[in-house]
Amino acid sequence: MGEGLEDVPRHMERRLEIPVSITPTDAIRAMRVIGESRNWRMHRIEEATMVHRWAIIVPLAKRARVLGLVIDEGDAEGLSLRSWSYVPGSAGRLSFVSFNIPEWFDGPEWVSFLREWSTQLPRCPWKWGFWERSIIGYLLPEFRRSRRLFSNEGVDIRNWQSSD
């Protein structure tokens, strides 16, 4: 009869998608720097994702270019970062990062990595300036959601410091 997938070992992973105030290239660069310092073997990926852009009152589906980095070898084998940005309304760009976290890396190693990743960035990833928020849409839920997600993952959102 039909064969099931019961005996096939499956690697479990968790996906974490966070709105950020940085560019996709800054997100990838920070992960690459950490990976190189830890001698992880990595490869780049390019994909596309569907995003919704609002035109007056009608949502329009569009595709956004996704840049990514996947860890092939090392302590974090299977960890990946994907990042993209798009214009949700008539002006202003909103960026996202998405981490796929393997189950064996999820825990203290993940928290340590996320803290180090956020300090490698050129600016605080969960803070937008007044003018940025005004152009994008001041009351969007992404701003509050970003702070909450970083905080839930164990990052101290009150005291961000760059490693530079």
Foldseek 3Di string as FASTA:
>chain_A
DDDDCPPPDDWDWDKDKAKWPDALVLLAVLVVVVCVVQVFDKDKDKDKDWDWADDPHDTDIDIWIKIKMATCDDPQHGWMKIKTWDQRYDDAIIMMIMIIGTPSCPDPNVLVSVLSSQQQGPDRTLDDDPVRCVGRPVPDCSSVRNLVSNVVSPHDSVDHHHPD
